[in-house]
All heavy atoms as atom14 arrays in JSON, in Angstrom:
{
  "sequence": "ALQRRLELTRTLEDRSGEANTHLALGQLAIRRYDLDGAL",
  "atom14_mask": [
    [1, 1, 1, 1, 1, 0, 0, 0, 0, 0, 0, 0, 0, 0],
    [1, 1, 1, 1, 1, 1, 1, 1, 0, 0, 0, 0, 0, 0],
    [1, 1, 1, 1, 1, 1, 1, 1, 1, 0, 0, 0, 0, 0],
    [1, 1, 1, 1, 1, 1, 1, 1, 1, 1, 1, 0, 0, 0],
    [1, 1, 1, 1, 1, 1, 1, 1, 1, 1, 1, 0, 0, 0],
    [1, 1, 1, 1, 1, 1, 1, 1, 0, 0, 0, 0, 0, 0],
    [1, 1, 1, 1, 1, 1, 1, 1, 1, 0, 0, 0, 0, 0],
    [1, 1, 1, 1, 1, 1, 1, 1, 0, 0, 0, 0, 0, 0],
    [1, 1, 1, 1, 1, 1, 1, 0, 0, 0, 0, 0, 0, 0],
    [1, 1, 1, 1, 1, 1, 1, 1, 1, 1, 1, 0, 0, 0],
    [1, 1, 1, 1, 1, 1, 1, 0, 0, 0, 0, 0, 0, 0],
    [1, 1, 1, 1, 1, 1, 1, 1, 0, 0, 0, 0, 0, 0],
    [1, 1, 1, 1, 1, 1, 1, 1, 1, 0, 0, 0, 0, 0],
    [1, 1, 1, 1, 1, 1, 1, 1, 0, 0, 0, 0, 0, 0],
    [1, 1, 1, 1, 1, 1, 1, 1, 1, 1, 1, 0, 0, 0],
    [1, 1, 1, 1, 1, 1, 0, 0, 0, 0, 0, 0, 0, 0],
    [1, 1, 1, 1, 0, 0, 0, 0, 0, 0, 0, 0, 0, 0],
    [1, 1, 1, 1, 1, 1, 1, 1, 1, 0, 0, 0, 0, 0],
    [1, 1, 1, 1, 1, 0, 0, 0, 0, 0, 0, 0, 0, 0],
    [1, 1, 1, 1, 1, 1, 1, 1, 0, 0, 0, 0, 0, 0],
    [1, 1, 1, 1, 1, 1, 1, 0, 0, 0, 0, 0, 0, 0],
    [1, 1, 1, 1, 1, 1, 1, 1, 1, 1, 0, 0, 0, 0],
    [1, 1, 1, 1, 1, 1, 1, 1, 0, 0, 0, 0, 0, 0],
    [1, 1, 1, 1, 1, 0, 0, 0, 0, 0, 0, 0, 0, 0],
    [1, 1, 1, 1, 1, 1, 1, 1, 0, 0, 0, 0, 0, 0],
    [1, 1, 1, 1, 0, 0, 0, 0, 0, 0, 0, 0, 0, 0],
    [1, 1, 1, 1, 1, 1, 1, 1, 1, 0, 0, 0, 0, 0],
    [1, 1, 1, 1, 1, 1, 1, 1, 0, 0, 0, 0, 0, 0],
    [1, 1, 1, 1, 1, 0, 0, 0, 0, 0, 0, 0, 0, 0],
    [1, 1, 1, 1, 1, 1, 1, 1, 0, 0, 0, 0, 0, 0],
    [1, 1, 1, 1, 1, 1, 1, 1, 1, 1, 1, 0, 0, 0],
    [1, 1, 1, 1, 1, 1, 1, 1, 1, 1, 1, 0, 0, 0],
    [1, 1, 1, 1, 1, 1, 1, 1, 1, 1, 1, 1, 0, 0],
    [1, 1, 1, 1, 1, 1, 1, 1, 0, 0, 0, 0, 0, 0],
    [1, 1, 1, 1, 1, 1, 1, 1, 0, 0, 0, 0, 0, 0],
    [1, 1, 1, 1, 1, 1, 1, 1, 0, 0, 0, 0, 0, 0],
    [1, 1, 1, 1, 0, 0, 0, 0, 0, 0, 0, 0, 0, 0],
    [1, 1, 1, 1, 1, 0, 0, 0, 0, 0, 0, 0, 0, 0],
    [1, 1, 1, 1, 1, 1, 1, 1, 0, 0, 0, 0, 0, 0]
  ],
  "atom14_positions": [
    [[0.82, -1.17, 0.01], [0.02, 0.01, -0.01], [0.88, 1.26, 0.01], [0.6, 2.25, -0.69], [-0.91, -0.01, 1.22], [0.0, 0.0, 0.0], [0.0, 0.0, 0.0], [0.0, 0.0, 0.0], [0.0, 0.0, 0.0], [0.0, 0.0, 0.0], [0.0, 0.0, 0.0], [0.0, 0.0, 0.0], [0.0, 0.0, 0.0], [0.0, 0.0, 0.0]],
    [[1.95, 1.25, 0.78], [2.82, 2.42, 0.83], [3.57, 2.66, -0.49], [3.74, 3.85, -0.89], [3.84, 2.26, 1.98], [3.21, 2.36, 3.38], [4.27, 2.03, 4.44], [2.67, 3.78, 3.61], [0.0, 0.0, 0.0], [0.0, 0.0, 0.0], [0.0, 0.0, 0.0], [0.0, 0.0, 0.0], [0.0, 0.0, 0.0], [0.0, 0.0, 0.0]],
    [[3.98, 1.62, -1.16], [4.66, 1.81, -2.45], [3.64, 2.45, -3.46], [4.01, 3.3, -4.24], [5.19, 0.48, -3.03], [6.37, -0.01, -2.24], [7.62, 0.92, -2.4], [7.72, 1.7, -3.33], [8.53, 0.75, -1.48], [0.0, 0.0, 0.0], [0.0, 0.0, 0.0], [0.0, 0.0, 0.0], [0.0, 0.0, 0.0], [0.0, 0.0, 0.0]],
    [[2.41, 2.0, -3.46], [1.4, 2.57, -4.36], [1.18, 4.06, -3.97], [1.04, 4.92, -4.82], [0.08, 1.83, -4.21], [0.0, 0.52, -4.94], [-1.43, -0.02, -4.95], [-2.34, 0.92, -5.65], [-3.71, 0.85, -5.53], [-4.25, -0.05, -4.8], [-4.41, 1.78, -6.22], [0.0, 0.0, 0.0], [0.0, 0.0, 0.0], [0.0, 0.0, 0.0]],
    [[1.16, 4.3, -2.64], [0.95, 5.71, -2.21], [2.12, 6.59, -2.62], [1.92, 7.78, -3.02], [0.74, 5.71, -0.71], [0.37, 7.08, -0.15], [0.0, 7.03, 1.28], [-0.64, 8.28, 1.73], [-0.07, 9.22, 2.43], [1.21, 9.1, 2.81], [-0.75, 10.29, 2.78], [0.0, 0.0, 0.0], [0.0, 0.0, 0.0], [0.0, 0.0, 0.0]],
    [[3.3, 6.09, -2.51], [4.5, 6.88, -2.88], [4.38, 7.29, -4.39], [4.69, 8.46, -4.75], [5.76, 6.09, -2.61], [7.07, 6.82, -2.8], [7.16, 8.03, -1.88], [8.26, 5.9, -2.64], [0.0, 0.0, 0.0], [0.0, 0.0, 0.0], [0.0, 0.0, 0.0], [0.0, 0.0, 0.0], [0.0, 0.0, 0.0], [0.0, 0.0, 0.0]],
    [[4.04, 6.35, -5.21], [3.93, 6.63, -6.66], [2.86, 7.75, -6.88], [3.04, 8.63, -7.73], [3.56, 5.39, -7.39], [4.7, 4.32, -7.4], [4.27, 2.98, -8.01], [3.11, 2.93, -8.48], [5.04, 2.04, -7.88], [0.0, 0.0, 0.0], [0.0, 0.0, 0.0], [0.0, 0.0, 0.0], [0.0, 0.0, 0.0], [0.0, 0.0, 0.0]],
    [[1.74, 7.64, -6.22], [0.68, 8.63, -6.4], [1.04, 9.97, -5.9], [0.77, 11.0, -6.58], [-0.63, 8.14, -5.68], [-1.45, 7.07, -6.39], [-2.59, 6.61, -5.44], [-2.04, 7.62, -7.7], [0.0, 0.0, 0.0], [0.0, 0.0, 0.0], [0.0, 0.0, 0.0], [0.0, 0.0, 0.0], [0.0, 0.0, 0.0], [0.0, 0.0, 0.0]],
    [[1.72, 10.06, -4.73], [2.08, 11.37, -4.22], [3.15, 12.04, -5.13], [3.08, 13.29, -5.3], [2.65, 11.24, -2.8], [3.75, 10.3, -2.75], [1.59, 10.81, -1.8], [0.0, 0.0, 0.0], [0.0, 0.0, 0.0], [0.0, 0.0, 0.0], [0.0, 0.0, 0.0], [0.0, 0.0, 0.0], [0.0, 0.0, 0.0], [0.0, 0.0, 0.0]],
    [[3.97, 11.28, -5.74], [4.96, 11.83, -6.7], [4.23, 12.37, -7.95], [4.51, 13.44, -8.44], [5.99, 10.84, -7.02], [7.02, 10.63, -5.93], [7.95, 9.47, -6.19], [9.0, 9.39, -5.25], [9.83, 8.36, -5.12], [9.67, 7.26, -5.86], [10.83, 8.36, -4.25], [0.0, 0.0, 0.0], [0.0, 0.0, 0.0], [0.0, 0.0, 0.0]],
    [[3.26, 11.58, -8.4], [2.47, 11.99, -9.59], [1.7, 13.25, -9.33], [1.57, 14.16, -10.16], [1.5, 10.88, -10.02], [2.25, 9.69, -10.38], [0.64, 11.31, -11.18], [0.0, 0.0, 0.0], [0.0, 0.0, 0.0], [0.0, 0.0, 0.0], [0.0, 0.0, 0.0], [0.0, 0.0, 0.0], [0.0, 0.0, 0.0], [0.0, 0.0, 0.0]],
    [[1.17, 13.36, -8.1], [0.39, 14.5, -7.7], [1.25, 15.7, -7.26], [0.72, 16.81, -6.96], [-0.61, 14.11, -6.55], [-1.67, 13.08, -6.83], [-2.22, 12.59, -5.56], [-2.71, 13.73, -7.74], [0.0, 0.0, 0.0], [0.0, 0.0, 0.0], [0.0, 0.0, 0.0], [0.0, 0.0, 0.0], [0.0, 0.0, 0.0], [0.0, 0.0, 0.0]],
    [[2.57, 15.49, -7.19], [3.53, 16.51, -6.7], [3.13, 16.97, -5.29], [3.21, 18.13, -4.99], [3.61, 17.66, -7.69], [4.1, 17.33, -9.05], [4.28, 18.48, -10.0], [3.79, 19.59, -9.62], [4.85, 18.31, -11.07], [0.0, 0.0, 0.0], [0.0, 0.0, 0.0], [0.0, 0.0, 0.0], [0.0, 0.0, 0.0], [0.0, 0.0, 0.0]],
    [[2.74, 16.03, -4.49], [2.31, 16.27, -3.09], [3.52, 15.95, -2.22], [3.76, 14.82, -1.8], [1.13, 15.35, -2.76], [0.76, 15.5, -1.29], [1.24, 16.36, -0.61], [-0.09, 14.68, -0.87], [0.0, 0.0, 0.0], [0.0, 0.0, 0.0], [0.0, 0.0, 0.0], [0.0, 0.0, 0.0], [0.0, 0.0, 0.0], [0.0, 0.0, 0.0]],
    [[4.36, 16.99, -1.95], [5.58, 16.78, -1.22], [5.29, 16.38, 0.29], [6.06, 15.57, 0.81], [6.46, 18.03, -1.28], [7.06, 18.22, -2.66], [8.21, 19.19, -2.62], [7.75, 20.54, -2.27], [8.58, 21.59, -2.03], [9.9, 21.42, -2.19], [8.12, 22.79, -1.74], [0.0, 0.0, 0.0], [0.0, 0.0, 0.0], [0.0, 0.0, 0.0]],
    [[4.25, 16.9, 0.85], [3.92, 16.52, 2.19], [3.53, 15.08, 2.25], [3.94, 14.29, 3.15], [2.77, 17.38, 2.75], [3.23, 18.71, 2.95], [0.0, 0.0, 0.0], [0.0, 0.0, 0.0], [0.0, 0.0, 0.0], [0.0, 0.0, 0.0], [0.0, 0.0, 0.0], [0.0, 0.0, 0.0], [0.0, 0.0, 0.0], [0.0, 0.0, 0.0]],
    [[2.66, 14.67, 1.33], [2.26, 13.27, 1.24], [3.45, 12.32, 0.99], [3.56, 11.25, 1.5], [0.0, 0.0, 0.0], [0.0, 0.0, 0.0], [0.0, 0.0, 0.0], [0.0, 0.0, 0.0], [0.0, 0.0, 0.0], [0.0, 0.0, 0.0], [0.0, 0.0, 0.0], [0.0, 0.0, 0.0], [0.0, 0.0, 0.0], [0.0, 0.0, 0.0]],
    [[4.35, 12.77, 0.13], [5.5, 11.96, -0.21], [6.42, 11.82, 1.06], [6.89, 10.75, 1.32], [6.32, 12.64, -1.35], [7.54, 11.79, -1.77], [8.31, 12.47, -2.89], [7.81, 13.44, -3.43], [9.43, 11.99, -3.17], [0.0, 0.0, 0.0], [0.0, 0.0, 0.0], [0.0, 0.0, 0.0], [0.0, 0.0, 0.0], [0.0, 0.0, 0.0]],
    [[6.56, 12.92, 1.8], [7.35, 12.88, 2.99], [6.72, 11.91, 4.05], [7.4, 11.06, 4.65], [7.41, 14.25, 3.63], [0.0, 0.0, 0.0], [0.0, 0.0, 0.0], [0.0, 0.0, 0.0], [0.0, 0.0, 0.0], [0.0, 0.0, 0.0], [0.0, 0.0, 0.0], [0.0, 0.0, 0.0], [0.0, 0.0, 0.0], [0.0, 0.0, 0.0]],
    [[5.4, 12.0, 4.22], [4.72, 11.1, 5.12], [4.94, 9.66, 4.71], [5.12, 8.74, 5.55], [3.23, 11.39, 5.16], [2.89, 12.71, 5.79], [3.67, 13.28, 6.55], [1.73, 13.3, 5.42], [0.0, 0.0, 0.0], [0.0, 0.0, 0.0], [0.0, 0.0, 0.0], [0.0, 0.0, 0.0], [0.0, 0.0, 0.0], [0.0, 0.0, 0.0]],
    [[4.93, 9.38, 3.41], [5.1, 7.98, 2.94], [6.52, 7.53, 3.18], [6.72, 6.37, 3.56], [4.71, 7.9, 1.44], [3.42, 8.46, 1.25], [4.64, 6.47, 1.02], [0.0, 0.0, 0.0], [0.0, 0.0, 0.0], [0.0, 0.0, 0.0], [0.0, 0.0, 0.0], [0.0, 0.0, 0.0], [0.0, 0.0, 0.0], [0.0, 0.0, 0.0]],
    [[7.5, 8.37, 2.96], [8.88, 7.99, 3.2], [9.05, 7.65, 4.74], [9.75, 6.73, 5.13], [9.85, 9.08, 2.82], [10.22, 9.08, 1.38], [10.92, 8.09, 0.8], [9.96, 9.96, 0.38], [11.08, 8.3, -0.46], [10.53, 9.5, -0.77], [0.0, 0.0, 0.0], [0.0, 0.0, 0.0], [0.0, 0.0, 0.0], [0.0, 0.0, 0.0]],
    [[8.37, 8.49, 5.58], [8.48, 8.25, 7.01], [7.92, 6.91, 7.37], [8.52, 6.11, 8.09], [7.79, 9.34, 7.76], [7.73, 9.26, 9.31], [9.18, 9.25, 9.82], [6.95, 10.39, 9.94], [0.0, 0.0, 0.0], [0.0, 0.0, 0.0], [0.0, 0.0, 0.0], [0.0, 0.0, 0.0], [0.0, 0.0, 0.0], [0.0, 0.0, 0.0]],
    [[6.77, 6.6, 6.81], [6.08, 5.3, 7.09], [6.91, 4.15, 6.54], [7.07, 3.08, 7.19], [4.71, 5.27, 6.45], [0.0, 0.0, 0.0], [0.0, 0.0, 0.0], [0.0, 0.0, 0.0], [0.0, 0.0, 0.0], [0.0, 0.0, 0.0], [0.0, 0.0, 0.0], [0.0, 0.0, 0.0], [0.0, 0.0, 0.0], [0.0, 0.0, 0.0]],
    [[7.52, 4.3, 5.36], [8.36, 3.22, 4.78], [9.64, 3.04, 5.62], [10.14, 1.9, 5.79], [8.78, 3.55, 3.39], [7.65, 3.33, 2.33], [8.02, 4.05, 0.98], [7.44, 1.86, 2.09], [0.0, 0.0, 0.0], [0.0, 0.0, 0.0], [0.0, 0.0, 0.0], [0.0, 0.0, 0.0], [0.0, 0.0, 0.0], [0.0, 0.0, 0.0]],
    [[10.14, 4.13, 6.22], [11.26, 3.98, 7.1], [10.86, 3.13, 8.39], [11.64, 2.33, 8.87], [0.0, 0.0, 0.0], [0.0, 0.0, 0.0], [0.0, 0.0, 0.0], [0.0, 0.0, 0.0], [0.0, 0.0, 0.0], [0.0, 0.0, 0.0], [0.0, 0.0, 0.0], [0.0, 0.0, 0.0], [0.0, 0.0, 0.0], [0.0, 0.0, 0.0]],
    [[9.68, 3.43, 8.89], [9.25, 2.64, 10.06], [9.04, 1.18, 9.74], [9.32, 0.3, 10.52], [7.93, 3.29, 10.63], [8.19, 4.7, 11.24], [6.9, 5.43, 11.52], [6.02, 5.51, 10.67], [6.81, 5.93, 12.73], [0.0, 0.0, 0.0], [0.0, 0.0, 0.0], [0.0, 0.0, 0.0], [0.0, 0.0, 0.0], [0.0, 0.0, 0.0]],
    [[8.56, 0.93, 8.49], [8.36, -0.44, 8.06], [9.76, -1.08, 7.93], [9.9, -2.29, 8.27], [7.65, -0.45, 6.74], [7.21, -1.8, 6.2], [6.16, -2.41, 7.16], [6.56, -1.6, 4.84], [0.0, 0.0, 0.0], [0.0, 0.0, 0.0], [0.0, 0.0, 0.0], [0.0, 0.0, 0.0], [0.0, 0.0, 0.0], [0.0, 0.0, 0.0]],
    [[10.78, -0.38, 7.47], [12.11, -0.91, 7.37], [12.68, -1.3, 8.72], [13.37, -2.32, 8.85], [13.03, 0.1, 6.6], [0.0, 0.0, 0.0], [0.0, 0.0, 0.0], [0.0, 0.0, 0.0], [0.0, 0.0, 0.0], [0.0, 0.0, 0.0], [0.0, 0.0, 0.0], [0.0, 0.0, 0.0], [0.0, 0.0, 0.0], [0.0, 0.0, 0.0]],
    [[12.36, -0.48, 9.72], [12.81, -0.8, 11.07], [12.23, -2.15, 11.52], [12.96, -2.99, 12.07], [12.34, 0.3, 12.06], [13.19, 1.56, 11.87], [12.45, -0.18, 13.51], [14.58, 1.47, 12.28], [0.0, 0.0, 0.0], [0.0, 0.0, 0.0], [0.0, 0.0, 0.0], [0.0, 0.0, 0.0], [0.0, 0.0, 0.0], [0.0, 0.0, 0.0]],
    [[10.97, -2.34, 11.22], [10.3, -3.64, 11.6], [10.98, -4.87, 10.88], [10.91, -5.94, 11.35], [8.8, -3.61, 11.24], [8.02, -2.65, 12.12], [7.71, -3.23, 13.49], [6.91, -4.44, 13.44], [5.57, -4.43, 13.34], [4.92, -3.26, 13.25], [4.97, -5.55, 13.32], [0.0, 0.0, 0.0], [0.0, 0.0, 0.0], [0.0, 0.0, 0.0]],
    [[11.59, -4.54, 9.78], [12.27, -5.59, 9.02], [13.81, -5.61, 9.28], [14.53, -6.29, 8.59], [12.04, -5.38, 7.51], [10.6, -5.59, 7.06], [10.36, -5.08, 5.63], [9.07, -5.54, 5.13], [8.49, -5.05, 4.07], [9.04, -3.99, 3.43], [7.32, -5.52, 3.64], [0.0, 0.0, 0.0], [0.0, 0.0, 0.0], [0.0, 0.0, 0.0]],
    [[14.2, -4.84, 10.3], [15.61, -4.82, 10.74], [16.53, -4.27, 9.65], [17.72, -4.63, 9.62], [16.06, -6.22, 11.21], [15.13, -6.79, 12.26], [14.26, -7.77, 11.92], [15.18, -6.34, 13.57], [13.37, -8.32, 12.87], [14.33, -6.82, 14.51], [13.42, -7.83, 14.13], [12.58, -8.35, 15.12], [0.0, 0.0, 0.0], [0.0, 0.0, 0.0]],
    [[16.01, -3.4, 8.8], [16.89, -2.82, 7.78], [17.16, -1.37, 8.15], [16.46, -0.37, 7.81], [16.08, -2.8, 6.45], [16.86, -2.14, 5.29], [18.08, -1.84, 5.48], [16.26, -1.98, 4.19], [0.0, 0.0, 0.0], [0.0, 0.0, 0.0], [0.0, 0.0, 0.0], [0.0, 0.0, 0.0], [0.0, 0.0, 0.0], [0.0, 0.0, 0.0]],
    [[18.19, -1.21, 9.0], [18.48, 0.13, 9.58], [18.94, 1.09, 8.51], [18.6, 2.3, 8.55], [19.5, 0.01, 10.71], [19.06, -0.83, 11.93], [20.18, -0.75, 12.92], [17.76, -0.39, 12.45], [0.0, 0.0, 0.0], [0.0, 0.0, 0.0], [0.0, 0.0, 0.0], [0.0, 0.0, 0.0], [0.0, 0.0, 0.0], [0.0, 0.0, 0.0]],
    [[19.79, 0.64, 7.61], [20.31, 1.48, 6.55], [19.11, 1.99, 5.67], [19.09, 3.23, 5.35], [21.34, 0.81, 5.71], [22.64, 0.53, 6.47], [22.86, 1.25, 7.47], [23.4, -0.34, 6.1], [0.0, 0.0, 0.0], [0.0, 0.0, 0.0], [0.0, 0.0, 0.0], [0.0, 0.0, 0.0], [0.0, 0.0, 0.0], [0.0, 0.0, 0.0]],
    [[18.27, 1.09, 5.33], [17.12, 1.48, 4.52], [16.21, 2.45, 5.22], [15.65, 3.4, 4.64], [0.0, 0.0, 0.0], [0.0, 0.0, 0.0], [0.0, 0.0, 0.0], [0.0, 0.0, 0.0], [0.0, 0.0, 0.0], [0.0, 0.0, 0.0], [0.0, 0.0, 0.0], [0.0, 0.0, 0.0], [0.0, 0.0, 0.0], [0.0, 0.0, 0.0]],
    [[16.03, 2.24, 6.55], [15.2, 3.15, 7.34], [15.82, 4.55, 7.38], [15.1, 5.56, 7.17], [15.04, 2.59, 8.75], [0.0, 0.0, 0.0], [0.0, 0.0, 0.0], [0.0, 0.0, 0.0], [0.0, 0.0, 0.0], [0.0, 0.0, 0.0], [0.0, 0.0, 0.0], [0.0, 0.0, 0.0], [0.0, 0.0, 0.0], [0.0, 0.0, 0.0]],
    [[17.11, 4.62, 7.64], [17.74, 5.9, 7.72], [17.67, 6.63, 6.38], [17.47, 7.84, 6.36], [19.24, 5.7, 8.14], [19.93, 7.0, 8.59], [19.21, 7.66, 9.78], [21.37, 6.66, 8.98], [0.0, 0.0, 0.0], [0.0, 0.0, 0.0], [0.0, 0.0, 0.0], [0.0, 0.0, 0.0], [0.0, 0.0, 0.0], [0.0, 0.0, 0.0]]
  ]
}
């Protein structure tokens, strides 16, 4: 769902929405123990 959302926010040029999605994807990376990806 987040990957789909990231594509849409970029298409819409919604920088706030894109930022929110990056933040959420970072939190998801933490749950997967991918610290470099999260950072």
